[in-house]
C-alpha cells in the first residue's frame, strides 16, 4: 500500500523524558562569541599540521581574531607581538595594521607602561563586524 503524502495527517505521540534532561537542553547556552573566535583561531593554527605540506596564510584574519579575543578578555596587543602573531612578515603585518587603522577598525596608542612601544586597540566598528560575522556563523551551523 503506497503512502499518499498529500493526505498525510498529523498524530500526537506521547514520549516520556526526564524533566532535567529537557530543562538542560532548553537552557543550554549557545556558543559564546569569544569561544567561537578562540576555536576558529586554534583550528586555523592546526591546519598546516593536518594538511601536511600546505601553507595557509591569512594575516588580516589572524590579526582581527587576535585583537578581538584580546579585547574580549580585557587585554591589548603590543604592535610587535601582533605582527608576530599574524603569521606573516612584520612588514605585511604593519601594512595590514595601517590599513585596519585607516578603515577605523583599529587604533594604535602609546603603551602606558613602556613609552618605547605602542599597543593596538580594537574600535567598536571592528567589534560590531566580528560579532555580526560570528552570529551569522553560529546561525548557519545551527
N, C-alpha and C. Protein backbone atom coordinates (compact mmCIF):
# COMPACT_ATOMS: atom_id res chain seq x y z
N UNK A 1 0.84 -1.17 0.00
CA UNK A 1 0.00 0.00 0.00
C UNK A 1 0.90 1.24 0.00
N UNK A 2 0.74 2.10 -0.98
CA UNK A 2 1.55 3.31 -1.11
C UNK A 2 1.00 4.42 -0.23
N UNK A 3 1.91 5.24 0.32
CA UNK A 3 1.51 6.36 1.15
C UNK A 3 1.20 7.56 0.26
N UNK A 4 0.07 8.19 0.51
CA UNK A 4 -0.29 9.42 -0.19
C UNK A 4 0.06 10.58 0.72
N UNK A 5 1.22 11.22 0.47
CA UNK A 5 1.70 12.28 1.35
C UNK A 5 0.80 13.51 1.34
N UNK A 6 0.05 13.73 0.31
CA UNK A 6 -0.83 14.89 0.26
C UNK A 6 -1.97 14.76 1.26
N UNK A 7 -2.27 13.56 1.67
CA UNK A 7 -3.35 13.33 2.63
C UNK A 7 -2.82 12.89 3.98
N UNK A 8 -1.52 13.07 4.19
CA UNK A 8 -0.90 12.64 5.45
C UNK A 8 -1.42 13.51 6.58
N UNK A 9 -1.86 12.92 7.64
CA UNK A 9 -2.37 13.68 8.78
C UNK A 9 -1.41 13.56 9.95
N UNK A 10 -1.50 14.51 10.83
CA UNK A 10 -0.63 14.55 12.00
C UNK A 10 -1.22 13.69 13.11
N UNK A 11 -0.36 13.04 13.85
CA UNK A 11 -0.79 12.29 15.03
C UNK A 11 0.01 12.77 16.22
N UNK A 12 -0.55 12.65 17.39
CA UNK A 12 0.14 13.02 18.62
C UNK A 12 0.85 11.80 19.18
N UNK A 13 2.06 12.02 19.66
CA UNK A 13 2.84 10.95 20.26
C UNK A 13 3.28 11.41 21.64
N UNK A 14 3.08 10.60 22.61
CA UNK A 14 3.49 10.93 23.97
C UNK A 14 4.82 10.23 24.25
N UNK A 15 5.82 11.03 24.63
CA UNK A 15 7.13 10.48 24.93
C UNK A 15 7.50 10.92 26.33
N UNK A 16 7.99 10.02 27.11
CA UNK A 16 8.38 10.35 28.48
C UNK A 16 9.89 10.58 28.52
N UNK A 17 10.27 11.81 28.91
CA UNK A 17 11.68 12.20 29.02
C UNK A 17 11.86 12.84 30.39
N UNK A 18 12.95 12.52 31.06
CA UNK A 18 13.18 13.15 32.37
C UNK A 18 13.19 14.67 32.27
N UNK A 19 12.53 15.33 33.22
CA UNK A 19 12.40 16.78 33.24
C UNK A 19 13.77 17.46 33.18
N UNK A 20 14.75 16.97 33.94
CA UNK A 20 16.06 17.62 33.97
C UNK A 20 16.72 17.60 32.60
N UNK A 21 16.51 16.54 31.84
CA UNK A 21 17.10 16.46 30.50
C UNK A 21 16.50 17.53 29.59
N UNK A 22 15.20 17.72 29.68
CA UNK A 22 14.53 18.73 28.86
C UNK A 22 14.97 20.13 29.30
N UNK A 23 15.02 20.37 30.60
CA UNK A 23 15.43 21.68 31.09
C UNK A 23 16.86 22.01 30.67
N UNK A 24 17.74 21.01 30.77
CA UNK A 24 19.13 21.23 30.37
C UNK A 24 19.23 21.56 28.89
N UNK A 25 18.49 20.84 28.06
CA UNK A 25 18.59 21.08 26.62
C UNK A 25 18.00 22.44 26.24
N UNK A 26 16.97 22.87 26.96
CA UNK A 26 16.37 24.18 26.67
C UNK A 26 17.23 25.33 27.16
N UNK A 27 17.96 25.10 28.22
CA UNK A 27 18.77 26.17 28.78
C UNK A 27 20.23 26.09 28.37
N UNK A 28 20.57 25.16 27.50
CA UNK A 28 21.97 25.04 27.07
C UNK A 28 22.40 26.32 26.38
N UNK A 29 23.50 26.89 26.81
CA UNK A 29 23.93 28.15 26.22
C UNK A 29 24.40 27.95 24.78
N UNK A 30 24.11 28.93 23.97
CA UNK A 30 24.65 28.89 22.62
C UNK A 30 26.14 29.22 22.73
N UNK A 31 26.91 28.84 21.75
CA UNK A 31 28.34 29.14 21.84
C UNK A 31 28.57 30.64 22.00
N UNK A 32 29.48 30.99 22.88
CA UNK A 32 29.78 32.41 23.06
C UNK A 32 30.61 32.89 21.89
N UNK A 33 30.49 34.17 21.61
CA UNK A 33 31.28 34.75 20.52
C UNK A 33 32.78 34.56 20.80
N UNK A 34 33.18 34.79 22.04
CA UNK A 34 34.59 34.63 22.39
C UNK A 34 35.02 33.18 22.19
N UNK A 35 34.19 32.24 22.62
CA UNK A 35 34.51 30.83 22.45
C UNK A 35 34.65 30.45 20.98
N UNK A 36 33.76 30.97 20.16
CA UNK A 36 33.83 30.68 18.72
C UNK A 36 35.10 31.29 18.13
N UNK A 37 35.41 32.52 18.50
CA UNK A 37 36.62 33.17 17.98
C UNK A 37 37.87 32.40 18.37
N UNK A 38 37.92 31.94 19.63
CA UNK A 38 39.08 31.15 20.09
C UNK A 38 39.17 29.84 19.33
N UNK A 39 38.04 29.19 19.12
CA UNK A 39 38.03 27.91 18.39
C UNK A 39 38.48 28.12 16.94
N UNK A 40 38.01 29.20 16.32
CA UNK A 40 38.43 29.49 14.95
C UNK A 40 39.93 29.70 14.87
N UNK A 41 40.46 30.50 15.78
CA UNK A 41 41.89 30.79 15.76
C UNK A 41 42.71 29.51 15.99
N UNK A 42 42.29 28.72 16.97
CA UNK A 42 43.01 27.47 17.26
C UNK A 42 42.94 26.51 16.07
N UNK A 43 41.76 26.38 15.46
CA UNK A 43 41.64 25.46 14.34
C UNK A 43 42.43 25.94 13.13
N UNK A 44 42.50 27.25 12.95
CA UNK A 44 43.28 27.79 11.85
C UNK A 44 44.77 27.48 12.03
N UNK A 45 45.21 27.50 13.26
CA UNK A 45 46.63 27.22 13.53
C UNK A 45 46.96 25.74 13.41
N UNK A 46 45.97 24.89 13.48
CA UNK A 46 46.18 23.44 13.34
C UNK A 46 46.20 23.00 11.87
N UNK A 47 45.67 23.81 10.98
CA UNK A 47 45.56 23.40 9.57
C UNK A 47 46.86 22.92 8.96
N UNK A 48 47.99 23.63 9.13
CA UNK A 48 49.22 23.14 8.49
C UNK A 48 49.66 21.76 8.98
N UNK A 49 49.28 21.41 10.19
CA UNK A 49 49.66 20.10 10.71
C UNK A 49 48.75 19.00 10.18
N UNK A 50 47.53 19.36 9.86
CA UNK A 50 46.57 18.39 9.33
C UNK A 50 46.77 18.21 7.83
N UNK A 51 46.97 19.31 7.11
CA UNK A 51 47.19 19.27 5.67
C UNK A 51 48.69 19.38 5.43
N UNK A 52 49.38 18.28 5.60
CA UNK A 52 50.83 18.25 5.50
C UNK A 52 51.32 18.83 4.18
N UNK A 53 52.24 19.78 4.28
CA UNK A 53 52.85 20.36 3.10
C UNK A 53 52.15 21.60 2.56
N UNK A 54 50.97 21.93 3.10
CA UNK A 54 50.26 23.12 2.63
C UNK A 54 50.48 24.28 3.60
N UNK A 55 50.58 25.46 3.05
CA UNK A 55 50.72 26.66 3.88
C UNK A 55 49.43 27.47 3.79
N UNK A 56 48.97 27.93 4.92
CA UNK A 56 47.78 28.76 4.98
C UNK A 56 48.21 30.11 5.51
N UNK A 57 47.94 31.15 4.77
CA UNK A 57 48.35 32.48 5.20
C UNK A 57 47.21 33.47 4.99
N UNK A 58 46.65 33.92 6.07
CA UNK A 58 45.62 34.96 6.04
C UNK A 58 45.91 35.92 7.19
N UNK A 59 46.99 36.69 7.09
CA UNK A 59 47.38 37.54 8.22
C UNK A 59 46.33 38.57 8.63
N UNK A 60 45.51 39.04 7.70
CA UNK A 60 44.47 40.00 8.07
C UNK A 60 43.51 39.36 9.07
N UNK A 61 43.07 38.15 8.74
CA UNK A 61 42.11 37.46 9.60
C UNK A 61 42.76 37.08 10.93
N UNK A 62 44.01 36.68 10.91
CA UNK A 62 44.72 36.36 12.15
C UNK A 62 44.78 37.58 13.06
N UNK A 63 45.10 38.72 12.49
CA UNK A 63 45.19 39.96 13.28
C UNK A 63 43.83 40.30 13.86
N UNK A 64 42.79 40.23 13.03
CA UNK A 64 41.44 40.55 13.51
C UNK A 64 41.03 39.63 14.65
N UNK A 65 41.23 38.33 14.49
CA UNK A 65 40.84 37.39 15.56
C UNK A 65 41.66 37.60 16.83
N UNK A 66 42.96 37.82 16.69
CA UNK A 66 43.81 38.05 17.86
C UNK A 66 43.37 39.28 18.63
N UNK A 67 43.11 40.37 17.92
CA UNK A 67 42.70 41.61 18.57
C UNK A 67 41.31 41.46 19.19
N UNK A 68 40.42 40.77 18.50
CA UNK A 68 39.06 40.54 19.02
C UNK A 68 39.11 39.75 20.33
N UNK A 69 39.87 38.67 20.34
CA UNK A 69 39.99 37.83 21.54
C UNK A 69 40.62 38.62 22.68
N UNK A 70 41.71 39.32 22.38
CA UNK A 70 42.39 40.11 23.41
C UNK A 70 41.46 41.16 24.00
N UNK A 71 40.71 41.83 23.14
CA UNK A 71 39.79 42.86 23.61
C UNK A 71 38.69 42.26 24.49
N UNK A 72 38.15 41.12 24.08
CA UNK A 72 37.09 40.46 24.85
C UNK A 72 37.60 40.01 26.22
N UNK A 73 38.89 39.73 26.30
CA UNK A 73 39.50 39.30 27.56
C UNK A 73 40.09 40.47 28.35
N UNK A 74 39.91 41.68 27.85
CA UNK A 74 40.41 42.86 28.55
C UNK A 74 41.91 43.08 28.39
N UNK A 75 42.48 42.52 27.34
CA UNK A 75 43.91 42.68 27.08
C UNK A 75 44.11 43.55 25.84
N UNK A 76 45.31 44.05 25.70
CA UNK A 76 45.69 44.76 24.47
C UNK A 76 46.89 44.04 23.88
N UNK A 77 47.22 44.39 22.66
CA UNK A 77 48.34 43.76 21.96
C UNK A 77 49.38 44.80 21.64
N UNK A 78 50.63 44.52 21.98
CA UNK A 78 51.72 45.36 21.51
C UNK A 78 51.86 45.12 20.01
N UNK A 79 52.24 46.16 19.29
CA UNK A 79 52.34 46.08 17.84
C UNK A 79 53.27 44.94 17.43
N UNK A 80 54.43 44.85 18.04
CA UNK A 80 55.40 43.82 17.67
C UNK A 80 54.84 42.42 17.89
N UNK A 81 54.18 42.21 19.01
CA UNK A 81 53.60 40.89 19.31
C UNK A 81 52.49 40.54 18.31
N UNK A 82 51.68 41.53 17.95
CA UNK A 82 50.61 41.30 16.98
C UNK A 82 51.19 40.97 15.60
N UNK A 83 52.26 41.64 15.23
CA UNK A 83 52.93 41.33 13.96
C UNK A 83 53.39 39.88 13.94
N UNK A 84 53.98 39.42 15.04
CA UNK A 84 54.44 38.04 15.12
C UNK A 84 53.28 37.05 15.09
N UNK A 85 52.16 37.40 15.73
CA UNK A 85 51.00 36.52 15.78
C UNK A 85 50.27 36.42 14.45
N UNK A 86 50.53 37.36 13.56
CA UNK A 86 49.80 37.40 12.28
C UNK A 86 50.13 36.23 11.37
N UNK A 87 51.29 35.63 11.57
CA UNK A 87 51.69 34.52 10.70
C UNK A 87 52.34 34.99 9.41
N UNK A 88 52.41 36.28 9.21
CA UNK A 88 53.05 36.82 8.01
C UNK A 88 54.31 37.56 8.40
N UNK A 89 54.86 38.28 7.44
CA UNK A 89 56.06 39.05 7.73
C UNK A 89 55.68 40.29 8.55
N UNK A 90 56.66 40.84 9.24
CA UNK A 90 56.42 42.05 10.03
C UNK A 90 55.99 43.19 9.12
N UNK A 91 56.62 43.31 7.96
CA UNK A 91 56.27 44.37 7.01
C UNK A 91 54.81 44.25 6.58
N UNK A 92 54.39 43.03 6.24
CA UNK A 92 52.99 42.82 5.83
C UNK A 92 52.04 43.12 6.97
N UNK A 93 52.40 42.66 8.17
CA UNK A 93 51.53 42.90 9.33
C UNK A 93 51.39 44.39 9.62
N UNK A 94 52.49 45.14 9.52
CA UNK A 94 52.42 46.59 9.74
C UNK A 94 51.55 47.27 8.69
N UNK A 95 51.64 46.80 7.44
CA UNK A 95 50.80 47.34 6.38
C UNK A 95 49.33 47.04 6.66
N UNK A 96 49.03 45.82 7.11
CA UNK A 96 47.65 45.43 7.42
C UNK A 96 47.12 46.24 8.60
N UNK A 97 47.94 46.40 9.63
CA UNK A 97 47.53 47.20 10.79
C UNK A 97 47.22 48.62 10.35
N UNK A 98 48.05 49.18 9.48
CA UNK A 98 47.81 50.52 8.96
C UNK A 98 46.51 50.60 8.17
N UNK A 99 46.26 49.58 7.37
CA UNK A 99 45.01 49.54 6.59
C UNK A 99 43.79 49.45 7.51
N UNK A 100 43.88 48.60 8.55
CA UNK A 100 42.78 48.48 9.51
C UNK A 100 42.59 49.78 10.29
N UNK A 101 43.67 50.49 10.56
CA UNK A 101 43.57 51.80 11.21
C UNK A 101 42.87 52.80 10.29
N UNK A 102 43.23 52.81 9.02
CA UNK A 102 42.64 53.77 8.08
C UNK A 102 41.15 53.53 7.88
N UNK A 103 40.70 52.32 8.12
CA UNK A 103 39.27 51.99 8.00
C UNK A 103 38.55 52.11 9.34
N UNK A 104 39.23 52.67 10.34
CA UNK A 104 38.67 52.87 11.69
C UNK A 104 38.24 51.56 12.35
N UNK A 105 39.03 50.52 12.15
CA UNK A 105 38.81 49.24 12.84
C UNK A 105 39.75 49.11 14.04
N UNK A 106 40.93 49.67 13.94
CA UNK A 106 41.94 49.59 15.00
C UNK A 106 42.49 50.97 15.28
N UNK A 107 43.02 51.12 16.49
CA UNK A 107 43.75 52.34 16.86
C UNK A 107 45.07 51.92 17.47
N UNK A 108 46.09 52.70 17.18
CA UNK A 108 47.41 52.47 17.77
C UNK A 108 47.63 53.57 18.79
N UNK A 109 47.90 53.18 20.03
CA UNK A 109 48.11 54.16 21.10
C UNK A 109 49.42 53.84 21.82
N UNK A 110 49.99 54.85 22.45
CA UNK A 110 51.23 54.64 23.21
C UNK A 110 50.96 53.71 24.38
N UNK A 111 51.92 52.85 24.63
CA UNK A 111 51.83 51.93 25.77
C UNK A 111 52.10 52.72 27.05
N UNK A 112 51.16 52.71 27.96
CA UNK A 112 51.28 53.48 29.21
C UNK A 112 52.44 52.97 30.07
N UNK A 113 52.80 51.69 29.92
CA UNK A 113 53.87 51.11 30.74
C UNK A 113 55.24 51.17 30.07
N UNK A 114 55.25 51.39 28.76
CA UNK A 114 56.51 51.41 28.03
C UNK A 114 56.41 52.43 26.90
N UNK A 115 56.97 53.60 27.10
CA UNK A 115 56.84 54.69 26.13
C UNK A 115 57.50 54.37 24.79
N UNK A 116 58.32 53.33 24.74
CA UNK A 116 59.00 52.98 23.50
C UNK A 116 58.12 52.17 22.56
N UNK A 117 56.98 51.68 23.04
CA UNK A 117 56.15 50.82 22.20
C UNK A 117 54.70 51.31 22.16
N UNK A 118 53.97 50.72 21.23
CA UNK A 118 52.56 51.06 21.05
C UNK A 118 51.72 49.80 21.22
N UNK A 119 50.45 50.01 21.57
CA UNK A 119 49.51 48.89 21.64
C UNK A 119 48.40 49.14 20.64
N UNK A 120 47.78 48.05 20.24
CA UNK A 120 46.68 48.11 19.28
C UNK A 120 45.38 47.91 20.04
N UNK A 121 44.42 48.77 19.78
CA UNK A 121 43.12 48.73 20.42
C UNK A 121 42.06 48.50 19.34
N UNK A 122 41.13 47.58 19.61
CA UNK A 122 40.03 47.35 18.68
C UNK A 122 38.98 48.45 18.87
N UNK A 123 38.52 49.01 17.76
CA UNK A 123 37.48 50.03 17.80
C UNK A 123 36.10 49.38 17.66
N UNK A 124 35.05 50.06 18.08
CA UNK A 124 33.71 49.47 18.05
C UNK A 124 33.27 48.97 16.68
N UNK A 125 33.69 49.62 15.61
CA UNK A 125 33.28 49.18 14.27
C UNK A 125 33.78 47.77 13.96
N UNK A 126 35.01 47.45 14.38
CA UNK A 126 35.53 46.10 14.16
C UNK A 126 34.82 45.10 15.06
N UNK A 127 34.59 45.48 16.31
CA UNK A 127 33.89 44.58 17.23
C UNK A 127 32.50 44.25 16.68
N UNK A 128 31.79 45.24 16.19
CA UNK A 128 30.45 45.01 15.64
C UNK A 128 30.51 44.09 14.42
N UNK A 129 31.48 44.31 13.55
CA UNK A 129 31.61 43.48 12.35
C UNK A 129 31.93 42.03 12.71
N UNK A 130 32.86 41.82 13.64
CA UNK A 130 33.22 40.46 14.03
C UNK A 130 32.04 39.79 14.74
N UNK A 131 31.36 40.54 15.62
CA UNK A 131 30.18 39.98 16.29
C UNK A 131 29.13 39.53 15.28
N UNK A 132 28.89 40.36 14.28
CA UNK A 132 27.90 40.01 13.24
C UNK A 132 28.34 38.75 12.50
N UNK A 133 29.62 38.68 12.13
CA UNK A 133 30.12 37.52 11.39
C UNK A 133 29.99 36.25 12.23
N UNK A 134 30.36 36.33 13.51
CA UNK A 134 30.27 35.15 14.38
C UNK A 134 28.80 34.76 14.60
N UNK A 135 27.92 35.74 14.80
CA UNK A 135 26.49 35.43 14.98
C UNK A 135 25.94 34.72 13.74
N UNK A 136 26.33 35.19 12.56
CA UNK A 136 25.87 34.54 11.32
C UNK A 136 26.46 33.14 11.18
N UNK A 137 27.69 32.97 11.61
CA UNK A 137 28.31 31.64 11.59
C UNK A 137 27.58 30.68 12.53
N UNK A 138 27.28 31.14 13.74
CA UNK A 138 26.57 30.32 14.71
C UNK A 138 25.19 29.96 14.17
N UNK A 139 24.49 30.92 13.56
CA UNK A 139 23.16 30.66 13.00
C UNK A 139 23.24 29.66 11.85
N UNK A 140 24.27 29.74 11.03
CA UNK A 140 24.41 28.83 9.89
C UNK A 140 24.70 27.41 10.34
N UNK A 141 25.46 27.29 11.42
CA UNK A 141 25.80 25.96 11.94
C UNK A 141 24.58 25.33 12.61
N UNK A 142 23.78 26.21 13.20
CA UNK A 142 22.53 25.76 13.82
C UNK A 142 22.72 25.37 15.20
